[in-house]
All heavy atoms as atom14 arrays in JSON, in Angstrom:
{
  "sequence": "TTLPERHDRILCGELFCKWSYGECKDFDFNCIWKKIHECILE",
  "atom14_mask": [
    [1, 1, 1, 1, 1, 1, 1, 0, 0, 0, 0, 0, 0, 0],
    [1, 1, 1, 1, 1, 1, 1, 0, 0, 0, 0, 0, 0, 0],
    [1, 1, 1, 1, 1, 1, 1, 1, 0, 0, 0, 0, 0, 0],
    [1, 1, 1, 1, 1, 1, 1, 0, 0, 0, 0, 0, 0, 0],
    [1, 1, 1, 1, 1, 1, 1, 1, 1, 0, 0, 0, 0, 0],
    [1, 1, 1, 1, 1, 1, 1, 1, 1, 1, 1, 0, 0, 0],
    [1, 1, 1, 1, 1, 1, 1, 1, 1, 1, 0, 0, 0, 0],
    [1, 1, 1, 1, 1, 1, 1, 1, 0, 0, 0, 0, 0, 0],
    [1, 1, 1, 1, 1, 1, 1, 1, 1, 1, 1, 0, 0, 0],
    [1, 1, 1, 1, 1, 1, 1, 1, 0, 0, 0, 0, 0, 0],
    [1, 1, 1, 1, 1, 1, 1, 1, 0, 0, 0, 0, 0, 0],
    [1, 1, 1, 1, 1, 1, 0, 0, 0, 0, 0, 0, 0, 0],
    [1, 1, 1, 1, 0, 0, 0, 0, 0, 0, 0, 0, 0, 0],
    [1, 1, 1, 1, 1, 1, 1, 1, 1, 0, 0, 0, 0, 0],
    [1, 1, 1, 1, 1, 1, 1, 1, 0, 0, 0, 0, 0, 0],
    [1, 1, 1, 1, 1, 1, 1, 1, 1, 1, 1, 0, 0, 0],
    [1, 1, 1, 1, 1, 1, 0, 0, 0, 0, 0, 0, 0, 0],
    [1, 1, 1, 1, 1, 1, 1, 1, 1, 0, 0, 0, 0, 0],
    [1, 1, 1, 1, 1, 1, 1, 1, 1, 1, 1, 1, 1, 1],
    [1, 1, 1, 1, 1, 1, 0, 0, 0, 0, 0, 0, 0, 0],
    [1, 1, 1, 1, 1, 1, 1, 1, 1, 1, 1, 1, 0, 0],
    [1, 1, 1, 1, 0, 0, 0, 0, 0, 0, 0, 0, 0, 0],
    [1, 1, 1, 1, 1, 1, 1, 1, 1, 0, 0, 0, 0, 0],
    [1, 1, 1, 1, 1, 1, 0, 0, 0, 0, 0, 0, 0, 0],
    [1, 1, 1, 1, 1, 1, 1, 1, 1, 0, 0, 0, 0, 0],
    [1, 1, 1, 1, 1, 1, 1, 1, 0, 0, 0, 0, 0, 0],
    [1, 1, 1, 1, 1, 1, 1, 1, 1, 1, 1, 0, 0, 0],
    [1, 1, 1, 1, 1, 1, 1, 1, 0, 0, 0, 0, 0, 0],
    [1, 1, 1, 1, 1, 1, 1, 1, 1, 1, 1, 0, 0, 0],
    [1, 1, 1, 1, 1, 1, 1, 1, 0, 0, 0, 0, 0, 0],
    [1, 1, 1, 1, 1, 1, 0, 0, 0, 0, 0, 0, 0, 0],
    [1, 1, 1, 1, 1, 1, 1, 1, 0, 0, 0, 0, 0, 0],
    [1, 1, 1, 1, 1, 1, 1, 1, 1, 1, 1, 1, 1, 1],
    [1, 1, 1, 1, 1, 1, 1, 1, 1, 0, 0, 0, 0, 0],
    [1, 1, 1, 1, 1, 1, 1, 1, 1, 0, 0, 0, 0, 0],
    [1, 1, 1, 1, 1, 1, 1, 1, 0, 0, 0, 0, 0, 0],
    [1, 1, 1, 1, 1, 1, 1, 1, 1, 1, 0, 0, 0, 0],
    [1, 1, 1, 1, 1, 1, 1, 1, 1, 0, 0, 0, 0, 0],
    [1, 1, 1, 1, 1, 1, 0, 0, 0, 0, 0, 0, 0, 0],
    [1, 1, 1, 1, 1, 1, 1, 1, 0, 0, 0, 0, 0, 0],
    [1, 1, 1, 1, 1, 1, 1, 1, 0, 0, 0, 0, 0, 0],
    [1, 1, 1, 1, 1, 1, 1, 1, 1, 0, 0, 0, 0, 0]
  ],
  "atom14_positions": [
    [[-135.02, 83.69, 85.51], [-134.53, 83.7, 84.07], [-133.54, 82.57, 83.95], [-132.45, 82.52, 84.64], [-133.91, 85.0, 83.81], [-134.91, 85.96, 83.79], [-133.37, 85.01, 82.38], [0.0, 0.0, 0.0], [0.0, 0.0, 0.0], [0.0, 0.0, 0.0], [0.0, 0.0, 0.0], [0.0, 0.0, 0.0], [0.0, 0.0, 0.0], [0.0, 0.0, 0.0]],
    [[-133.71, 81.74, 82.97], [-132.73, 80.69, 82.7], [-132.25, 80.72, 81.15], [-131.34, 80.09, 80.85], [-133.34, 79.28, 82.81], [-134.47, 79.12, 82.08], [-133.76, 79.06, 84.3], [0.0, 0.0, 0.0], [0.0, 0.0, 0.0], [0.0, 0.0, 0.0], [0.0, 0.0, 0.0], [0.0, 0.0, 0.0], [0.0, 0.0, 0.0], [0.0, 0.0, 0.0]],
    [[-132.91, 81.63, 80.45], [-132.56, 81.6, 79.01], [-131.25, 82.36, 78.73], [-130.97, 83.38, 79.26], [-133.64, 82.34, 78.3], [-133.53, 82.54, 76.79], [-133.73, 81.22, 75.98], [-134.51, 83.62, 76.11], [0.0, 0.0, 0.0], [0.0, 0.0, 0.0], [0.0, 0.0, 0.0], [0.0, 0.0, 0.0], [0.0, 0.0, 0.0], [0.0, 0.0, 0.0]],
    [[-130.37, 81.75, 78.02], [-128.99, 82.46, 77.85], [-129.16, 83.48, 76.76], [-129.96, 83.29, 75.83], [-128.08, 81.18, 77.29], [-129.03, 80.28, 76.79], [-130.32, 80.34, 77.55], [0.0, 0.0, 0.0], [0.0, 0.0, 0.0], [0.0, 0.0, 0.0], [0.0, 0.0, 0.0], [0.0, 0.0, 0.0], [0.0, 0.0, 0.0], [0.0, 0.0, 0.0]],
    [[-128.29, 84.52, 76.75], [-128.35, 85.41, 75.63], [-127.63, 84.69, 74.43], [-126.7, 83.87, 74.6], [-127.58, 86.72, 76.11], [-128.15, 87.49, 77.15], [-127.64, 88.86, 77.27], [-126.53, 89.14, 76.59], [-128.17, 89.75, 78.21], [0.0, 0.0, 0.0], [0.0, 0.0, 0.0], [0.0, 0.0, 0.0], [0.0, 0.0, 0.0], [0.0, 0.0, 0.0]],
    [[-128.09, 85.15, 73.34], [-127.46, 84.57, 72.04], [-127.39, 85.64, 70.93], [-128.35, 86.47, 70.68], [-128.47, 83.54, 71.5], [-128.69, 82.31, 72.39], [-129.72, 81.27, 71.8], [-129.78, 80.15, 72.66], [-130.72, 79.2, 72.51], [-131.64, 79.27, 71.48], [-130.83, 78.06, 73.22], [0.0, 0.0, 0.0], [0.0, 0.0, 0.0], [0.0, 0.0, 0.0]],
    [[-126.28, 85.67, 70.33], [-126.1, 86.66, 69.29], [-126.14, 86.04, 67.92], [-126.01, 86.7, 66.85], [-124.73, 87.34, 69.43], [-123.49, 86.43, 69.38], [-123.04, 85.73, 70.3], [-122.84, 86.17, 68.25], [-122.03, 84.99, 69.84], [-121.83, 85.26, 68.57], [0.0, 0.0, 0.0], [0.0, 0.0, 0.0], [0.0, 0.0, 0.0], [0.0, 0.0, 0.0]],
    [[-126.28, 84.7, 67.83], [-126.37, 84.08, 66.61], [-127.38, 82.84, 66.82], [-126.88, 81.83, 67.42], [-124.95, 83.59, 66.19], [-124.98, 83.03, 64.72], [-126.06, 83.03, 64.1], [-124.04, 82.38, 64.24], [0.0, 0.0, 0.0], [0.0, 0.0, 0.0], [0.0, 0.0, 0.0], [0.0, 0.0, 0.0], [0.0, 0.0, 0.0], [0.0, 0.0, 0.0]],
    [[-128.5, 82.93, 66.27], [-129.42, 81.8, 66.43], [-130.21, 81.68, 65.19], [-130.18, 82.56, 64.32], [-130.38, 82.18, 67.67], [-131.31, 83.38, 67.4], [-132.26, 83.47, 68.54], [-133.23, 84.72, 68.24], [-134.22, 84.95, 68.97], [-134.56, 84.38, 69.96], [-134.95, 86.19, 68.61], [0.0, 0.0, 0.0], [0.0, 0.0, 0.0], [0.0, 0.0, 0.0]],
    [[-131.08, 80.65, 65.18], [-132.08, 80.48, 64.03], [-133.2, 81.14, 64.4], [-133.78, 81.18, 65.46], [-132.47, 78.97, 63.89], [-131.17, 78.24, 63.31], [-133.6, 78.74, 62.96], [-131.42, 76.68, 63.09], [0.0, 0.0, 0.0], [0.0, 0.0, 0.0], [0.0, 0.0, 0.0], [0.0, 0.0, 0.0], [0.0, 0.0, 0.0], [0.0, 0.0, 0.0]],
    [[-133.77, 81.86, 63.4], [-135.18, 82.68, 63.55], [-136.08, 81.99, 62.62], [-135.88, 82.06, 61.43], [-134.93, 84.25, 63.18], [-136.07, 85.03, 63.57], [-135.64, 86.54, 63.62], [-137.25, 85.02, 62.65], [0.0, 0.0, 0.0], [0.0, 0.0, 0.0], [0.0, 0.0, 0.0], [0.0, 0.0, 0.0], [0.0, 0.0, 0.0], [0.0, 0.0, 0.0]],
    [[-137.03, 81.36, 63.2], [-138.12, 80.54, 62.57], [-139.38, 80.83, 63.13], [-139.59, 80.84, 64.34], [-137.67, 79.1, 62.61], [-138.83, 77.92, 61.69], [0.0, 0.0, 0.0], [0.0, 0.0, 0.0], [0.0, 0.0, 0.0], [0.0, 0.0, 0.0], [0.0, 0.0, 0.0], [0.0, 0.0, 0.0], [0.0, 0.0, 0.0], [0.0, 0.0, 0.0]],
    [[-140.33, 80.76, 62.32], [-141.74, 81.02, 62.78], [-142.85, 80.81, 61.67], [-142.68, 80.83, 60.56], [0.0, 0.0, 0.0], [0.0, 0.0, 0.0], [0.0, 0.0, 0.0], [0.0, 0.0, 0.0], [0.0, 0.0, 0.0], [0.0, 0.0, 0.0], [0.0, 0.0, 0.0], [0.0, 0.0, 0.0], [0.0, 0.0, 0.0], [0.0, 0.0, 0.0]],
    [[-144.07, 80.87, 62.27], [-145.18, 80.75, 61.38], [-145.94, 82.14, 61.51], [-146.34, 82.54, 62.62], [-146.13, 79.64, 61.83], [-147.26, 79.45, 60.87], [-148.08, 78.23, 61.17], [-147.71, 77.06, 60.75], [-149.15, 78.3, 61.84], [0.0, 0.0, 0.0], [0.0, 0.0, 0.0], [0.0, 0.0, 0.0], [0.0, 0.0, 0.0], [0.0, 0.0, 0.0]],
    [[-146.01, 82.76, 60.34], [-146.52, 84.06, 60.29], [-147.95, 84.14, 59.84], [-148.36, 83.52, 58.9], [-145.62, 84.95, 59.35], [-145.94, 86.28, 59.15], [-144.68, 87.23, 59.24], [-146.66, 86.71, 57.9], [0.0, 0.0, 0.0], [0.0, 0.0, 0.0], [0.0, 0.0, 0.0], [0.0, 0.0, 0.0], [0.0, 0.0, 0.0], [0.0, 0.0, 0.0]],
    [[-148.67, 85.14, 60.58], [-150.03, 85.46, 60.27], [-149.95, 86.93, 59.95], [-149.55, 87.76, 60.84], [-151.06, 85.1, 61.45], [-152.55, 85.69, 61.25], [-153.44, 84.97, 60.58], [-152.74, 87.0, 61.64], [-154.67, 85.64, 60.42], [-153.91, 87.54, 61.52], [-155.08, 86.84, 60.9], [0.0, 0.0, 0.0], [0.0, 0.0, 0.0], [0.0, 0.0, 0.0]],
    [[-150.55, 87.39, 58.87], [-150.61, 88.84, 58.58], [-151.89, 89.31, 57.97], [-152.45, 88.54, 57.12], [-149.48, 89.15, 57.63], [-149.28, 90.93, 57.12], [0.0, 0.0, 0.0], [0.0, 0.0, 0.0], [0.0, 0.0, 0.0], [0.0, 0.0, 0.0], [0.0, 0.0, 0.0], [0.0, 0.0, 0.0], [0.0, 0.0, 0.0], [0.0, 0.0, 0.0]],
    [[-152.53, 90.34, 58.56], [-153.86, 90.73, 58.08], [-153.81, 92.25, 58.06], [-153.15, 93.05, 59.06], [-155.05, 90.32, 59.08], [-156.35, 90.74, 58.74], [-157.27, 90.21, 59.9], [-158.73, 90.77, 59.63], [-159.64, 90.15, 60.7], [0.0, 0.0, 0.0], [0.0, 0.0, 0.0], [0.0, 0.0, 0.0], [0.0, 0.0, 0.0], [0.0, 0.0, 0.0]],
    [[-154.41, 92.75, 56.9], [-154.45, 94.28, 56.67], [-155.79, 94.69, 56.45], [-156.63, 93.99, 55.71], [-153.21, 94.66, 55.73], [-153.39, 94.14, 54.45], [-154.03, 94.51, 53.37], [-152.69, 92.75, 54.01], [-153.98, 93.57, 52.3], [-153.11, 92.47, 52.61], [-151.85, 91.85, 54.47], [-152.59, 91.42, 51.97], [-151.46, 90.86, 53.86], [-151.83, 90.62, 52.56]],
    [[-156.01, 96.04, 56.53], [-157.22, 96.68, 56.29], [-156.99, 97.67, 55.21], [-156.1, 98.57, 55.2], [-157.73, 97.22, 57.55], [-158.91, 98.13, 57.07], [0.0, 0.0, 0.0], [0.0, 0.0, 0.0], [0.0, 0.0, 0.0], [0.0, 0.0, 0.0], [0.0, 0.0, 0.0], [0.0, 0.0, 0.0], [0.0, 0.0, 0.0], [0.0, 0.0, 0.0]],
    [[-157.96, 97.64, 54.25], [-157.86, 98.81, 53.3], [-158.72, 99.98, 53.54], [-158.8, 100.93, 52.9], [-158.43, 98.21, 51.93], [-157.5, 97.1, 51.22], [-158.02, 95.78, 51.29], [-156.41, 97.43, 50.75], [-157.18, 94.85, 50.62], [-155.61, 96.5, 50.05], [-156.0, 95.13, 50.04], [-155.2, 94.17, 49.55], [0.0, 0.0, 0.0], [0.0, 0.0, 0.0]],
    [[-159.35, 99.89, 54.78], [-160.34, 100.91, 55.09], [-161.64, 100.75, 54.2], [-162.02, 99.64, 53.81], [0.0, 0.0, 0.0], [0.0, 0.0, 0.0], [0.0, 0.0, 0.0], [0.0, 0.0, 0.0], [0.0, 0.0, 0.0], [0.0, 0.0, 0.0], [0.0, 0.0, 0.0], [0.0, 0.0, 0.0], [0.0, 0.0, 0.0], [0.0, 0.0, 0.0]],
    [[-162.17, 101.85, 53.85], [-163.39, 101.81, 52.97], [-163.0, 101.26, 51.54], [-161.96, 101.7, 50.98], [-164.0, 103.19, 52.83], [-165.38, 103.09, 52.31], [-166.13, 104.6, 52.6], [-165.76, 105.16, 53.41], [-166.99, 104.79, 51.59], [0.0, 0.0, 0.0], [0.0, 0.0, 0.0], [0.0, 0.0, 0.0], [0.0, 0.0, 0.0], [0.0, 0.0, 0.0]],
    [[-163.74, 100.4, 51.12], [-163.53, 99.71, 49.81], [-163.54, 100.62, 48.64], [-164.4, 101.53, 48.4], [-164.57, 98.56, 49.59], [-164.3, 97.66, 48.03], [0.0, 0.0, 0.0], [0.0, 0.0, 0.0], [0.0, 0.0, 0.0], [0.0, 0.0, 0.0], [0.0, 0.0, 0.0], [0.0, 0.0, 0.0], [0.0, 0.0, 0.0], [0.0, 0.0, 0.0]],
    [[-162.38, 100.54, 47.79], [-162.29, 101.15, 46.48], [-161.99, 100.22, 45.44], [-161.78, 99.03, 45.79], [-161.19, 102.21, 46.77], [-161.71, 103.4, 47.73], [-160.55, 104.46, 47.9], [-160.94, 105.52, 48.92], [-159.91, 106.54, 49.03], [0.0, 0.0, 0.0], [0.0, 0.0, 0.0], [0.0, 0.0, 0.0], [0.0, 0.0, 0.0], [0.0, 0.0, 0.0]],
    [[-161.82, 100.83, 44.21], [-161.48, 99.95, 43.0], [-159.96, 99.61, 43.13], [-159.18, 100.27, 42.41], [-161.93, 100.64, 41.92], [-161.81, 99.76, 40.62], [-161.72, 98.63, 40.77], [-161.83, 100.18, 39.4], [0.0, 0.0, 0.0], [0.0, 0.0, 0.0], [0.0, 0.0, 0.0], [0.0, 0.0, 0.0], [0.0, 0.0, 0.0], [0.0, 0.0, 0.0]],
    [[-159.52, 98.61, 43.77], [-158.1, 98.4, 43.9], [-157.81, 97.1, 43.03], [-158.69, 96.27, 42.83], [-157.71, 97.95, 45.29], [-157.84, 99.24, 46.32], [-158.3, 98.89, 47.62], [-157.51, 100.53, 45.95], [-158.38, 100.04, 48.44], [-157.58, 101.55, 46.85], [-158.06, 101.26, 48.03], [0.0, 0.0, 0.0], [0.0, 0.0, 0.0], [0.0, 0.0, 0.0]],
    [[-156.65, 96.85, 42.63], [-156.0, 95.82, 42.0], [-155.67, 94.88, 43.18], [-154.5, 94.78, 43.61], [-154.95, 96.03, 41.05], [-154.47, 94.72, 40.23], [-154.79, 93.64, 40.73], [-153.89, 94.87, 39.32], [0.0, 0.0, 0.0], [0.0, 0.0, 0.0], [0.0, 0.0, 0.0], [0.0, 0.0, 0.0], [0.0, 0.0, 0.0], [0.0, 0.0, 0.0]],
    [[-156.55, 93.98, 43.62], [-156.3, 93.37, 44.9], [-155.21, 92.31, 44.58], [-154.37, 92.05, 45.57], [-157.58, 92.57, 45.38], [-158.55, 93.65, 45.95], [-159.75, 93.76, 45.27], [-158.39, 94.21, 47.16], [-160.66, 94.67, 45.75], [-159.39, 95.23, 47.57], [-160.44, 95.47, 46.89], [0.0, 0.0, 0.0], [0.0, 0.0, 0.0], [0.0, 0.0, 0.0]],
    [[-155.18, 91.63, 43.52], [-154.18, 90.65, 43.32], [-152.7, 91.24, 43.19], [-151.78, 90.7, 43.73], [-154.55, 89.92, 41.89], [-155.64, 89.07, 42.0], [-155.97, 88.54, 42.98], [-156.29, 88.92, 40.79], [0.0, 0.0, 0.0], [0.0, 0.0, 0.0], [0.0, 0.0, 0.0], [0.0, 0.0, 0.0], [0.0, 0.0, 0.0], [0.0, 0.0, 0.0]],
    [[-152.62, 92.35, 42.62], [-151.38, 93.04, 42.59], [-150.81, 93.49, 43.95], [-149.71, 93.31, 44.29], [-151.43, 94.31, 41.71], [-150.01, 95.16, 41.42], [0.0, 0.0, 0.0], [0.0, 0.0, 0.0], [0.0, 0.0, 0.0], [0.0, 0.0, 0.0], [0.0, 0.0, 0.0], [0.0, 0.0, 0.0], [0.0, 0.0, 0.0], [0.0, 0.0, 0.0]],
    [[-151.68, 94.12, 44.73], [-151.44, 94.52, 46.16], [-151.04, 93.33, 47.01], [-150.14, 93.46, 47.61], [-152.68, 95.28, 46.72], [-152.98, 96.54, 45.99], [-152.39, 95.48, 48.24], [-154.18, 97.24, 46.26], [0.0, 0.0, 0.0], [0.0, 0.0, 0.0], [0.0, 0.0, 0.0], [0.0, 0.0, 0.0], [0.0, 0.0, 0.0], [0.0, 0.0, 0.0]],
    [[-151.83, 92.27, 46.89], [-151.48, 90.96, 47.73], [-150.02, 90.51, 47.42], [-149.27, 90.23, 48.31], [-152.45, 89.97, 47.5], [-152.35, 88.96, 48.63], [-152.92, 88.7, 49.7], [-151.38, 87.7, 48.44], [-152.56, 87.56, 50.32], [-151.69, 86.91, 49.59], [-150.6, 87.21, 47.48], [-151.02, 85.68, 49.85], [-149.9, 86.03, 47.68], [-150.11, 85.27, 48.77]],
    [[-149.66, 90.44, 46.19], [-148.4, 89.97, 45.71], [-147.28, 90.92, 46.24], [-146.26, 90.44, 46.57], [-148.3, 89.92, 44.17], [-147.05, 89.4, 43.67], [-147.07, 89.13, 42.12], [-145.7, 88.65, 41.62], [-145.74, 88.59, 40.13], [0.0, 0.0, 0.0], [0.0, 0.0, 0.0], [0.0, 0.0, 0.0], [0.0, 0.0, 0.0], [0.0, 0.0, 0.0]],
    [[-147.59, 92.29, 46.14], [-146.54, 93.13, 46.55], [-146.32, 93.08, 48.12], [-145.16, 93.23, 48.53], [-147.1, 94.63, 46.14], [-145.99, 95.72, 46.32], [-146.55, 97.05, 45.87], [-145.43, 98.06, 45.94], [-145.95, 99.47, 45.35], [0.0, 0.0, 0.0], [0.0, 0.0, 0.0], [0.0, 0.0, 0.0], [0.0, 0.0, 0.0], [0.0, 0.0, 0.0]],
    [[-147.37, 92.91, 48.92], [-147.17, 92.71, 50.28], [-146.51, 91.54, 50.63], [-145.66, 91.42, 51.5], [-148.62, 92.85, 51.05], [-149.26, 94.41, 50.83], [-148.53, 92.53, 52.4], [-150.53, 94.4, 51.44], [0.0, 0.0, 0.0], [0.0, 0.0, 0.0], [0.0, 0.0, 0.0], [0.0, 0.0, 0.0], [0.0, 0.0, 0.0], [0.0, 0.0, 0.0]],
    [[-146.75, 90.37, 49.99], [-146.13, 89.09, 50.11], [-144.61, 89.34, 49.86], [-143.85, 88.78, 50.63], [-146.71, 88.07, 49.18], [-146.22, 86.71, 49.41], [-145.09, 86.23, 48.65], [-146.55, 85.7, 50.17], [-144.78, 85.03, 49.05], [-145.61, 84.66, 49.9], [0.0, 0.0, 0.0], [0.0, 0.0, 0.0], [0.0, 0.0, 0.0], [0.0, 0.0, 0.0]],
    [[-144.27, 90.06, 48.88], [-142.89, 90.39, 48.58], [-142.33, 91.1, 49.68], [-141.17, 90.93, 50.06], [-142.67, 91.03, 47.23], [-143.08, 90.12, 45.99], [-143.2, 90.99, 44.67], [-143.0, 92.19, 44.81], [-143.23, 90.11, 43.65], [0.0, 0.0, 0.0], [0.0, 0.0, 0.0], [0.0, 0.0, 0.0], [0.0, 0.0, 0.0], [0.0, 0.0, 0.0]],
    [[-143.0, 92.17, 50.27], [-142.46, 92.9, 51.31], [-142.16, 92.12, 52.5], [-141.19, 92.37, 53.33], [-143.45, 94.01, 51.69], [-143.51, 95.49, 50.52], [0.0, 0.0, 0.0], [0.0, 0.0, 0.0], [0.0, 0.0, 0.0], [0.0, 0.0, 0.0], [0.0, 0.0, 0.0], [0.0, 0.0, 0.0], [0.0, 0.0, 0.0], [0.0, 0.0, 0.0]],
    [[-142.96, 91.14, 52.84], [-142.83, 90.23, 54.13], [-141.57, 89.54, 53.91], [-140.76, 89.44, 54.89], [-144.11, 89.41, 54.17], [-145.35, 90.12, 54.52], [-143.77, 88.32, 55.27], [-146.6, 89.42, 54.57], [0.0, 0.0, 0.0], [0.0, 0.0, 0.0], [0.0, 0.0, 0.0], [0.0, 0.0, 0.0], [0.0, 0.0, 0.0], [0.0, 0.0, 0.0]],
    [[-141.37, 88.89, 52.81], [-140.09, 88.11, 52.52], [-138.93, 88.99, 52.55], [-137.89, 88.56, 53.19], [-140.27, 87.32, 51.22], [-141.43, 86.44, 51.05], [-141.28, 85.69, 49.75], [-141.55, 85.4, 52.24], [0.0, 0.0, 0.0], [0.0, 0.0, 0.0], [0.0, 0.0, 0.0], [0.0, 0.0, 0.0], [0.0, 0.0, 0.0], [0.0, 0.0, 0.0]],
    [[-138.99, 90.09, 51.99], [-137.92, 91.08, 52.0], [-137.51, 91.45, 53.39], [-136.23, 91.53, 53.71], [-138.14, 92.19, 51.02], [-136.91, 93.19, 50.99], [-137.18, 94.39, 49.99], [-138.15, 94.32, 49.26], [-136.58, 95.5, 50.25], [0.0, 0.0, 0.0], [0.0, 0.0, 0.0], [0.0, 0.0, 0.0], [0.0, 0.0, 0.0], [0.0, 0.0, 0.0]]
  ]
}
């Protein structure tokens, strides 16, 4: 181990997110996608 402990650092990354609806139903996919995008950022 050479990595020092840090209590204040930059957190940066490239995110991949994939979710399953299970069996397909009559969803408002555009609305759901936007809501999940907002959850990720929050």
